[in-house]
């Protein structure tokens, strides 16, 4: 196809019939399917954690555990929930700069912060649950704690790897923009 044919096709092309509201709704980050699945996951996690916190004292003999373990478990669950909400709010507004390069760089920095908060929150909550369930078990307590701690470390490694894969593409794109602007 030569340039004259391309111009002819361009002139014959029809203009869209969408108004501004329809275009804004189509391009809104709020309508993104991944954001919707993250929102559903967030709501499910919050409901499950609140249910756990409301019932752990009766179901798992929380009243018989030391007060510091109960406080640690509640604080870690709250921090985990706040970390999830912080991550969701970060994903809702990915464009922050005045151009693509700046937006990508700022978005990567925010995602990196979310990643660290997520790793810390998950680790703290995992350790708090571990401390809660192994406190008071003298017999086989050290063995149980060690096995559960190894499982927790493996889960934290998987979470870290998952976050690294998520942020790698954004970091790569950000670096490519940086290199192209440095070359100019």
N, C-alpha and C. Protein backbone atom coordinates (compact mmCIF):
# COMPACT_ATOMS: atom_id res chain seq x y z
N UNK A 1 0.85 -1.17 0.00
CA UNK A 1 0.00 0.00 0.00
C UNK A 1 0.90 1.23 0.00
N UNK A 2 0.65 2.13 -0.97
CA UNK A 2 1.47 3.34 -1.03
C UNK A 2 0.79 4.45 -0.22
N UNK A 3 1.44 5.59 -0.19
CA UNK A 3 0.97 6.69 0.65
C UNK A 3 -0.34 7.29 0.14
N UNK A 4 -0.54 7.30 -1.19
CA UNK A 4 -1.79 7.85 -1.74
C UNK A 4 -2.99 7.00 -1.36
N UNK A 5 -2.82 5.66 -1.40
CA UNK A 5 -3.91 4.77 -1.00
C UNK A 5 -4.23 4.94 0.49
N UNK A 6 -3.20 5.10 1.26
CA UNK A 6 -3.37 5.30 2.71
C UNK A 6 -4.16 6.59 2.98
N UNK A 7 -3.81 7.66 2.26
CA UNK A 7 -4.52 8.94 2.42
C UNK A 7 -5.99 8.80 2.02
N UNK A 8 -6.23 8.05 0.95
CA UNK A 8 -7.60 7.85 0.48
C UNK A 8 -8.42 7.09 1.52
N UNK A 9 -7.84 6.04 2.06
CA UNK A 9 -8.53 5.26 3.10
C UNK A 9 -8.78 6.11 4.35
N UNK A 10 -7.84 6.95 4.67
CA UNK A 10 -7.97 7.81 5.85
C UNK A 10 -9.12 8.79 5.67
N UNK A 11 -9.23 9.36 4.47
CA UNK A 11 -10.31 10.32 4.20
C UNK A 11 -11.68 9.64 4.21
N UNK A 12 -11.72 8.37 3.81
CA UNK A 12 -13.00 7.64 3.77
C UNK A 12 -13.41 7.11 5.14
N UNK A 13 -12.46 7.09 6.05
CA UNK A 13 -12.76 6.54 7.38
C UNK A 13 -13.81 7.40 8.09
N UNK A 14 -14.71 6.71 8.79
CA UNK A 14 -15.76 7.41 9.50
C UNK A 14 -15.27 7.85 10.87
N UNK A 15 -15.84 8.92 11.34
CA UNK A 15 -15.50 9.36 12.69
C UNK A 15 -16.37 8.57 13.67
N UNK A 16 -15.86 8.39 14.87
CA UNK A 16 -16.58 7.63 15.88
C UNK A 16 -17.82 8.37 16.36
N UNK A 17 -18.75 7.61 16.88
CA UNK A 17 -20.00 8.20 17.36
C UNK A 17 -20.06 8.23 18.89
N UNK A 18 -18.96 8.01 19.52
CA UNK A 18 -18.94 8.02 20.99
C UNK A 18 -18.82 9.45 21.50
N UNK A 19 -19.54 9.75 22.57
CA UNK A 19 -19.39 11.06 23.18
C UNK A 19 -18.31 11.00 24.26
N UNK A 20 -18.02 12.13 24.85
CA UNK A 20 -16.93 12.21 25.83
C UNK A 20 -17.15 11.31 27.04
N UNK A 21 -18.39 11.22 27.50
CA UNK A 21 -18.68 10.38 28.67
C UNK A 21 -18.40 8.92 28.38
N UNK A 22 -18.80 8.45 27.21
CA UNK A 22 -18.56 7.05 26.84
C UNK A 22 -17.07 6.78 26.71
N UNK A 23 -16.34 7.70 26.08
CA UNK A 23 -14.89 7.53 25.94
C UNK A 23 -14.20 7.54 27.31
N UNK A 24 -14.64 8.43 28.20
CA UNK A 24 -14.05 8.49 29.54
C UNK A 24 -14.33 7.20 30.31
N UNK A 25 -15.54 6.65 30.16
CA UNK A 25 -15.87 5.40 30.85
C UNK A 25 -15.05 4.24 30.30
N UNK A 26 -14.81 4.24 28.98
CA UNK A 26 -14.05 3.16 28.36
C UNK A 26 -12.59 3.19 28.79
N UNK A 27 -12.05 4.37 28.94
CA UNK A 27 -10.62 4.49 29.26
C UNK A 27 -10.36 4.66 30.75
N UNK A 28 -11.37 4.67 31.55
CA UNK A 28 -11.20 4.84 32.99
C UNK A 28 -10.50 3.63 33.59
N UNK A 29 -9.54 3.91 34.45
CA UNK A 29 -8.81 2.84 35.12
C UNK A 29 -9.73 2.07 36.07
N UNK A 30 -10.83 2.72 36.50
CA UNK A 30 -11.77 2.08 37.42
C UNK A 30 -12.43 0.86 36.79
N UNK A 31 -12.56 0.86 35.46
CA UNK A 31 -13.24 -0.23 34.76
C UNK A 31 -12.30 -1.37 34.37
N UNK A 32 -11.04 -1.27 34.73
CA UNK A 32 -10.08 -2.30 34.33
C UNK A 32 -10.41 -3.61 35.03
N UNK A 33 -10.44 -4.74 34.28
CA UNK A 33 -10.83 -6.02 34.88
C UNK A 33 -9.87 -6.50 35.97
N UNK A 34 -8.58 -6.20 35.84
CA UNK A 34 -7.65 -6.62 36.89
C UNK A 34 -7.89 -5.84 38.18
N UNK A 35 -8.23 -4.58 38.05
CA UNK A 35 -8.53 -3.77 39.24
C UNK A 35 -9.78 -4.29 39.93
N UNK A 36 -10.74 -4.75 39.14
CA UNK A 36 -11.96 -5.32 39.71
C UNK A 36 -11.64 -6.60 40.48
N UNK A 37 -10.78 -7.45 39.93
CA UNK A 37 -10.42 -8.69 40.63
C UNK A 37 -9.61 -8.39 41.90
N UNK A 38 -8.78 -7.35 41.85
CA UNK A 38 -8.02 -6.95 43.05
C UNK A 38 -8.97 -6.43 44.11
N UNK A 39 -9.99 -5.67 43.69
CA UNK A 39 -10.99 -5.14 44.64
C UNK A 39 -11.75 -6.29 45.29
N UNK A 40 -12.13 -7.30 44.51
CA UNK A 40 -12.84 -8.47 45.06
C UNK A 40 -11.95 -9.21 46.05
N UNK A 41 -10.68 -9.40 45.69
CA UNK A 41 -9.72 -10.06 46.59
C UNK A 41 -9.56 -9.27 47.88
N UNK A 42 -9.49 -7.95 47.76
CA UNK A 42 -9.35 -7.08 48.92
C UNK A 42 -10.54 -7.22 49.86
N UNK A 43 -11.74 -7.19 49.31
CA UNK A 43 -12.95 -7.31 50.13
C UNK A 43 -12.99 -8.68 50.81
N UNK A 44 -12.68 -9.74 50.08
CA UNK A 44 -12.69 -11.09 50.66
C UNK A 44 -11.67 -11.19 51.79
N UNK A 45 -10.44 -10.68 51.56
CA UNK A 45 -9.41 -10.74 52.61
C UNK A 45 -9.84 -9.95 53.85
N UNK A 46 -10.41 -8.78 53.65
CA UNK A 46 -10.83 -7.96 54.80
C UNK A 46 -11.93 -8.67 55.58
N UNK A 47 -12.91 -9.22 54.88
CA UNK A 47 -14.00 -9.92 55.56
C UNK A 47 -13.46 -11.13 56.32
N UNK A 48 -12.58 -11.90 55.69
CA UNK A 48 -12.03 -13.08 56.36
C UNK A 48 -11.17 -12.70 57.56
N UNK A 49 -10.36 -11.67 57.43
CA UNK A 49 -9.52 -11.26 58.57
C UNK A 49 -10.35 -10.69 59.72
N UNK A 50 -11.36 -9.91 59.40
CA UNK A 50 -12.23 -9.39 60.46
C UNK A 50 -12.99 -10.53 61.13
N UNK A 51 -13.45 -11.49 60.33
CA UNK A 51 -14.13 -12.66 60.90
C UNK A 51 -13.18 -13.45 61.80
N UNK A 52 -11.94 -13.63 61.33
CA UNK A 52 -10.94 -14.33 62.14
C UNK A 52 -10.69 -13.59 63.45
N UNK A 53 -10.51 -12.27 63.37
CA UNK A 53 -10.26 -11.50 64.59
C UNK A 53 -11.44 -11.51 65.55
N UNK A 54 -12.64 -11.57 64.99
CA UNK A 54 -13.83 -11.59 65.84
C UNK A 54 -14.05 -12.94 66.51
N UNK A 55 -13.52 -14.00 65.92
CA UNK A 55 -13.81 -15.34 66.44
C UNK A 55 -12.61 -16.11 67.00
N UNK A 56 -11.39 -15.60 66.80
CA UNK A 56 -10.22 -16.39 67.20
C UNK A 56 -10.16 -16.62 68.70
N UNK A 57 -10.66 -15.68 69.47
CA UNK A 57 -10.59 -15.82 70.92
C UNK A 57 -11.39 -17.03 71.41
N UNK A 58 -12.57 -17.25 70.83
CA UNK A 58 -13.39 -18.39 71.22
C UNK A 58 -12.98 -19.67 70.52
N UNK A 59 -12.71 -19.59 69.22
CA UNK A 59 -12.43 -20.79 68.45
C UNK A 59 -11.06 -21.39 68.75
N UNK A 60 -10.07 -20.52 68.98
CA UNK A 60 -8.71 -21.01 69.17
C UNK A 60 -8.16 -20.70 70.56
N UNK A 61 -9.03 -20.50 71.51
CA UNK A 61 -8.66 -20.24 72.90
C UNK A 61 -7.72 -19.04 73.03
N UNK A 62 -8.08 -17.96 72.38
CA UNK A 62 -7.28 -16.75 72.45
C UNK A 62 -7.22 -16.15 73.84
N UNK A 63 -8.26 -16.39 74.63
CA UNK A 63 -8.28 -15.85 76.00
C UNK A 63 -7.23 -16.52 76.88
N UNK A 64 -6.84 -17.74 76.52
CA UNK A 64 -5.83 -18.47 77.30
C UNK A 64 -4.41 -18.10 76.91
N UNK A 65 -4.26 -17.38 75.82
CA UNK A 65 -2.93 -16.98 75.34
C UNK A 65 -2.51 -15.70 76.06
N UNK A 66 -1.21 -15.43 76.09
CA UNK A 66 -0.75 -14.17 76.70
C UNK A 66 -1.30 -12.95 75.96
N UNK A 67 -1.47 -11.87 76.70
CA UNK A 67 -2.04 -10.65 76.13
C UNK A 67 -1.20 -10.12 74.98
N UNK A 68 0.13 -10.18 75.10
CA UNK A 68 1.00 -9.64 74.06
C UNK A 68 0.83 -10.39 72.73
N UNK A 69 0.51 -11.69 72.78
CA UNK A 69 0.29 -12.46 71.56
C UNK A 69 -1.02 -12.00 70.90
N UNK A 70 -2.05 -11.77 71.69
CA UNK A 70 -3.32 -11.29 71.15
C UNK A 70 -3.18 -9.90 70.53
N UNK A 71 -2.45 -9.02 71.21
CA UNK A 71 -2.23 -7.67 70.68
C UNK A 71 -1.41 -7.74 69.40
N UNK A 72 -0.37 -8.56 69.40
CA UNK A 72 0.46 -8.72 68.21
C UNK A 72 -0.35 -9.24 67.02
N UNK A 73 -1.20 -10.21 67.26
CA UNK A 73 -2.03 -10.78 66.20
C UNK A 73 -3.00 -9.74 65.65
N UNK A 74 -3.64 -8.99 66.52
CA UNK A 74 -4.59 -7.96 66.08
C UNK A 74 -3.89 -6.84 65.32
N UNK A 75 -2.75 -6.38 65.83
CA UNK A 75 -2.00 -5.31 65.17
C UNK A 75 -1.47 -5.76 63.81
N UNK A 76 -0.99 -6.99 63.73
CA UNK A 76 -0.47 -7.50 62.46
C UNK A 76 -1.58 -7.65 61.43
N UNK A 77 -2.75 -8.10 61.86
CA UNK A 77 -3.90 -8.22 60.94
C UNK A 77 -4.33 -6.84 60.45
N UNK A 78 -4.36 -5.87 61.34
CA UNK A 78 -4.72 -4.51 60.96
C UNK A 78 -3.70 -3.94 59.97
N UNK A 79 -2.42 -4.16 60.23
CA UNK A 79 -1.37 -3.67 59.33
C UNK A 79 -1.49 -4.34 57.95
N UNK A 80 -1.82 -5.63 57.95
CA UNK A 80 -2.00 -6.36 56.69
C UNK A 80 -3.16 -5.77 55.89
N UNK A 81 -4.26 -5.47 56.57
CA UNK A 81 -5.42 -4.87 55.89
C UNK A 81 -5.06 -3.49 55.34
N UNK A 82 -4.39 -2.67 56.14
CA UNK A 82 -4.00 -1.34 55.69
C UNK A 82 -3.04 -1.40 54.50
N UNK A 83 -2.16 -2.38 54.50
CA UNK A 83 -1.24 -2.56 53.39
C UNK A 83 -2.00 -2.92 52.11
N UNK A 84 -2.99 -3.79 52.22
CA UNK A 84 -3.81 -4.15 51.06
C UNK A 84 -4.56 -2.93 50.52
N UNK A 85 -5.13 -2.14 51.42
CA UNK A 85 -5.87 -0.94 51.00
C UNK A 85 -4.91 0.06 50.34
N UNK A 86 -3.73 0.24 50.91
CA UNK A 86 -2.72 1.13 50.34
C UNK A 86 -2.34 0.66 48.92
N UNK A 87 -2.16 -0.63 48.74
CA UNK A 87 -1.84 -1.16 47.42
C UNK A 87 -2.95 -0.93 46.42
N UNK A 88 -4.18 -1.15 46.84
CA UNK A 88 -5.32 -0.94 45.96
C UNK A 88 -5.44 0.54 45.55
N UNK A 89 -5.28 1.43 46.51
CA UNK A 89 -5.36 2.86 46.20
C UNK A 89 -4.22 3.30 45.28
N UNK A 90 -3.07 2.69 45.43
CA UNK A 90 -1.94 3.00 44.54
C UNK A 90 -2.25 2.57 43.11
N UNK A 91 -2.86 1.41 42.96
CA UNK A 91 -3.18 0.91 41.62
C UNK A 91 -4.31 1.69 40.96
N UNK A 92 -5.15 2.32 41.74
CA UNK A 92 -6.27 3.09 41.17
C UNK A 92 -5.80 4.35 40.45
N UNK A 93 -4.65 4.89 40.83
CA UNK A 93 -4.15 6.12 40.21
C UNK A 93 -2.72 5.92 39.72
N UNK A 94 -2.54 5.17 38.63
CA UNK A 94 -1.18 4.90 38.16
C UNK A 94 -0.53 6.08 37.45
N UNK A 95 -1.31 6.98 36.88
CA UNK A 95 -0.75 8.10 36.12
C UNK A 95 -0.66 9.31 37.04
N UNK A 96 0.58 9.72 37.33
CA UNK A 96 0.77 10.83 38.25
C UNK A 96 1.61 11.94 37.68
N UNK A 97 2.45 11.64 36.71
CA UNK A 97 3.33 12.65 36.15
C UNK A 97 2.69 13.39 35.00
N UNK A 98 3.43 14.35 34.48
CA UNK A 98 2.91 15.13 33.36
C UNK A 98 3.22 14.48 32.02
N UNK A 99 4.06 13.43 32.03
CA UNK A 99 4.33 12.69 30.80
C UNK A 99 4.50 11.20 31.14
N UNK A 100 4.62 10.39 30.12
CA UNK A 100 4.68 8.93 30.32
C UNK A 100 5.91 8.53 31.12
N UNK A 101 7.04 9.11 30.79
CA UNK A 101 8.29 8.76 31.47
C UNK A 101 8.20 9.02 32.97
N UNK A 102 7.74 10.21 33.30
CA UNK A 102 7.62 10.59 34.71
C UNK A 102 6.58 9.73 35.42
N UNK A 103 5.46 9.47 34.76
CA UNK A 103 4.40 8.64 35.35
C UNK A 103 4.90 7.23 35.62
N UNK A 104 5.60 6.64 34.66
CA UNK A 104 6.13 5.29 34.85
C UNK A 104 7.11 5.24 36.01
N UNK A 105 7.98 6.24 36.08
CA UNK A 105 8.97 6.27 37.15
C UNK A 105 8.30 6.41 38.52
N UNK A 106 7.33 7.31 38.62
CA UNK A 106 6.63 7.50 39.90
C UNK A 106 5.80 6.27 40.26
N UNK A 107 5.16 5.67 39.25
CA UNK A 107 4.35 4.47 39.50
C UNK A 107 5.24 3.32 39.97
N UNK A 108 6.41 3.17 39.36
CA UNK A 108 7.33 2.12 39.81
C UNK A 108 7.77 2.36 41.24
N UNK A 109 8.09 3.61 41.58
CA UNK A 109 8.50 3.91 42.95
C UNK A 109 7.40 3.60 43.95
N UNK A 110 6.15 3.95 43.60
CA UNK A 110 5.03 3.65 44.48
C UNK A 110 4.82 2.14 44.60
N UNK A 111 4.89 1.43 43.47
CA UNK A 111 4.72 -0.03 43.52
C UNK A 111 5.82 -0.68 44.34
N UNK A 112 7.02 -0.15 44.26
CA UNK A 112 8.12 -0.69 45.05
C UNK A 112 7.84 -0.51 46.54
N UNK A 113 7.31 0.65 46.92
CA UNK A 113 6.91 0.87 48.31
C UNK A 113 5.81 -0.10 48.74
N UNK A 114 4.83 -0.27 47.86
CA UNK A 114 3.73 -1.20 48.15
C UNK A 114 4.29 -2.61 48.32
N UNK A 115 5.24 -2.97 47.47
CA UNK A 115 5.85 -4.31 47.55
C UNK A 115 6.49 -4.52 48.92
N UNK A 116 7.28 -3.54 49.38
CA UNK A 116 7.92 -3.69 50.68
C UNK A 116 6.90 -3.73 51.82
N UNK A 117 5.90 -2.87 51.75
CA UNK A 117 4.85 -2.90 52.78
C UNK A 117 4.12 -4.24 52.75
N UNK A 118 3.86 -4.76 51.57
CA UNK A 118 3.17 -6.04 51.44
C UNK A 118 4.01 -7.17 52.03
N UNK A 119 5.30 -7.17 51.73
CA UNK A 119 6.18 -8.20 52.28
C UNK A 119 6.28 -8.09 53.80
N UNK A 120 6.40 -6.87 54.31
CA UNK A 120 6.48 -6.67 55.76
C UNK A 120 5.16 -7.04 56.42
N UNK A 121 4.04 -6.59 55.84
CA UNK A 121 2.73 -6.91 56.42
C UNK A 121 2.45 -8.40 56.43
N UNK A 122 2.75 -9.07 55.33
CA UNK A 122 2.53 -10.52 55.26
C UNK A 122 3.43 -11.26 56.24
N UNK A 123 4.68 -10.82 56.33
CA UNK A 123 5.63 -11.45 57.26
C UNK A 123 5.18 -11.27 58.70
N UNK A 124 4.80 -10.04 59.04
CA UNK A 124 4.34 -9.79 60.42
C UNK A 124 3.09 -10.59 60.75
N UNK A 125 2.15 -10.61 59.82
CA UNK A 125 0.92 -11.36 60.09
C UNK A 125 1.22 -12.86 60.19
N UNK A 126 2.06 -13.36 59.30
CA UNK A 126 2.44 -14.77 59.37
C UNK A 126 3.13 -15.12 60.68
N UNK A 127 4.05 -14.27 61.09
CA UNK A 127 4.75 -14.50 62.36
C UNK A 127 3.79 -14.40 63.54
N UNK A 128 2.86 -13.46 63.50
CA UNK A 128 1.90 -13.31 64.59
C UNK A 128 1.01 -14.55 64.69
N UNK A 129 0.54 -15.05 63.55
CA UNK A 129 -0.28 -16.27 63.56
C UNK A 129 0.55 -17.44 64.08
N UNK A 130 1.80 -17.50 63.64
CA UNK A 130 2.71 -18.56 64.09
C UNK A 130 2.92 -18.49 65.59
N UNK A 131 3.17 -17.29 66.09
CA UNK A 131 3.35 -17.12 67.55
C UNK A 131 2.08 -17.48 68.30
N UNK A 132 0.93 -17.08 67.76
CA UNK A 132 -0.34 -17.37 68.42
C UNK A 132 -0.57 -18.86 68.54
N UNK A 133 -0.35 -19.60 67.47
CA UNK A 133 -0.66 -21.03 67.49
C UNK A 133 0.41 -21.89 68.16
N UNK A 134 1.62 -21.37 68.30
CA UNK A 134 2.65 -22.18 68.96
C UNK A 134 2.88 -21.78 70.42
N UNK A 135 2.32 -20.64 70.84
CA UNK A 135 2.46 -20.23 72.24
C UNK A 135 1.62 -21.15 73.12
N UNK A 136 2.23 -21.64 74.15
CA UNK A 136 1.53 -22.50 75.09
C UNK A 136 1.68 -23.98 74.80
N UNK A 137 2.32 -24.33 73.72
CA UNK A 137 2.54 -25.75 73.41
C UNK A 137 3.97 -26.10 73.77
N UNK A 138 4.16 -26.63 74.95
CA UNK A 138 5.50 -26.98 75.39
C UNK A 138 6.00 -28.22 74.66
N UNK A 139 5.13 -29.20 74.52
CA UNK A 139 5.51 -30.44 73.87
C UNK A 139 5.51 -30.22 72.35
N UNK A 140 6.59 -30.49 71.71
CA UNK A 140 6.78 -30.33 70.26
C UNK A 140 6.64 -28.88 69.80
N UNK A 141 6.67 -27.93 70.71
CA UNK A 141 6.51 -26.52 70.37
C UNK A 141 7.62 -26.01 69.46
N UNK A 142 8.86 -26.34 69.78
CA UNK A 142 9.98 -25.87 68.97
C UNK A 142 9.93 -26.51 67.58
N UNK A 143 9.60 -27.79 67.52
CA UNK A 143 9.53 -28.48 66.23
C UNK A 143 8.42 -27.88 65.37
N UNK A 144 7.24 -27.69 65.96
CA UNK A 144 6.12 -27.09 65.23
C UNK A 144 6.48 -25.70 64.73
N UNK A 145 7.07 -24.92 65.62
CA UNK A 145 7.44 -23.55 65.26
C UNK A 145 8.43 -23.56 64.09
N UNK A 146 9.41 -24.44 64.13
CA UNK A 146 10.42 -24.51 63.08
C UNK A 146 9.80 -24.91 61.75
N UNK A 147 8.95 -25.91 61.75
CA UNK A 147 8.31 -26.36 60.51
C UNK A 147 7.42 -25.25 59.94
N UNK A 148 6.61 -24.65 60.79
CA UNK A 148 5.73 -23.59 60.34
C UNK A 148 6.52 -22.35 59.89
N UNK A 149 7.63 -22.08 60.55
CA UNK A 149 8.48 -20.95 60.16
C UNK A 149 9.09 -21.18 58.78
N UNK A 150 9.50 -22.39 58.50
CA UNK A 150 10.05 -22.72 57.17
C UNK A 150 8.97 -22.55 56.10
N UNK A 151 7.76 -23.00 56.41
CA UNK A 151 6.65 -22.82 55.46
C UNK A 151 6.38 -21.33 55.25
N UNK A 152 6.41 -20.56 56.33
CA UNK A 152 6.21 -19.11 56.23
C UNK A 152 7.29 -18.46 55.37
N UNK A 153 8.54 -18.85 55.57
CA UNK A 153 9.62 -18.30 54.75
C UNK A 153 9.43 -18.62 53.27
N UNK A 154 8.98 -19.83 52.97
CA UNK A 154 8.72 -20.22 51.58
C UNK A 154 7.60 -19.37 50.99
N UNK A 155 6.56 -19.14 51.76
CA UNK A 155 5.44 -18.32 51.28
C UNK A 155 5.87 -16.87 51.06
N UNK A 156 6.72 -16.35 51.93
CA UNK A 156 7.23 -14.99 51.76
C UNK A 156 8.12 -14.92 50.52
N UNK A 157 8.91 -15.95 50.28
CA UNK A 157 9.72 -16.00 49.06
C UNK A 157 8.84 -15.98 47.82
N UNK A 158 7.74 -16.76 47.82
CA UNK A 158 6.83 -16.77 46.68
C UNK A 158 6.18 -15.40 46.48
N UNK A 159 5.81 -14.74 47.58
CA UNK A 159 5.23 -13.41 47.49
C UNK A 159 6.24 -12.42 46.91
N UNK A 160 7.48 -12.51 47.37
CA UNK A 160 8.54 -11.64 46.86
C UNK A 160 8.75 -11.87 45.36
N UNK A 161 8.79 -13.11 44.95
CA UNK A 161 8.97 -13.44 43.54
C UNK A 161 7.80 -12.93 42.69
N UNK A 162 6.60 -13.07 43.22
CA UNK A 162 5.41 -12.58 42.53
C UNK A 162 5.49 -11.06 42.34
N UNK A 163 5.86 -10.34 43.39
CA UNK A 163 6.00 -8.89 43.28
C UNK A 163 7.12 -8.51 42.32
N UNK A 164 8.22 -9.24 42.34
CA UNK A 164 9.33 -8.94 41.43
C UNK A 164 8.89 -9.09 39.98
N UNK A 165 8.11 -10.11 39.70
CA UNK A 165 7.61 -10.30 38.33
C UNK A 165 6.64 -9.18 37.94
N UNK A 166 5.82 -8.74 38.88
CA UNK A 166 4.87 -7.66 38.60
C UNK A 166 5.56 -6.35 38.28
N UNK A 167 6.59 -6.04 39.03
CA UNK A 167 7.25 -4.74 38.88
C UNK A 167 8.35 -4.74 37.83
N UNK A 168 8.80 -5.90 37.39
CA UNK A 168 9.90 -5.97 36.45
C UNK A 168 9.57 -5.25 35.13
N UNK A 169 8.39 -5.48 34.61
CA UNK A 169 8.01 -4.88 33.34
C UNK A 169 7.93 -3.36 33.45
N UNK A 170 7.41 -2.87 34.55
CA UNK A 170 7.30 -1.42 34.73
C UNK A 170 8.69 -0.81 34.89
N UNK A 171 9.56 -1.49 35.63
CA UNK A 171 10.92 -0.99 35.81
C UNK A 171 11.65 -0.99 34.47
N UNK A 172 11.49 -2.04 33.69
CA UNK A 172 12.14 -2.11 32.38
C UNK A 172 11.67 -0.98 31.48
N UNK A 173 10.36 -0.75 31.45
CA UNK A 173 9.82 0.34 30.63
C UNK A 173 10.34 1.69 31.10
N UNK A 174 10.39 1.87 32.40
CA UNK A 174 10.89 3.13 32.96
C UNK A 174 12.34 3.35 32.58
N UNK A 175 13.15 2.30 32.64
CA UNK A 175 14.56 2.40 32.29
C UNK A 175 14.74 2.68 30.80
N UNK A 176 13.89 2.08 29.96
CA UNK A 176 13.97 2.32 28.53
C UNK A 176 13.67 3.79 28.22
N UNK A 177 12.69 4.37 28.89
CA UNK A 177 12.39 5.78 28.69
C UNK A 177 13.56 6.64 29.16
N UNK A 178 14.16 6.24 30.26
CA UNK A 178 15.28 7.00 30.80
C UNK A 178 16.45 6.97 29.82
N UNK A 179 16.74 5.77 29.28
CA UNK A 179 17.85 5.64 28.33
C UNK A 179 17.58 6.41 27.06
N UNK A 180 16.35 6.39 26.57
CA UNK A 180 16.05 7.10 25.33
C UNK A 180 16.11 8.62 25.52
N UNK A 181 15.75 9.11 26.71
CA UNK A 181 15.84 10.54 26.94
C UNK A 181 17.29 10.97 27.18
N UNK A 182 18.10 10.07 27.75
CA UNK A 182 19.52 10.38 27.96
C UNK A 182 20.26 10.43 26.63
N UNK A 183 19.84 9.61 25.67
CA UNK A 183 20.48 9.56 24.37
C UNK A 183 20.14 10.78 23.52
N UNK A 184 18.99 11.41 23.81
CA UNK A 184 18.56 12.58 23.01
C UNK A 184 19.38 13.79 23.27
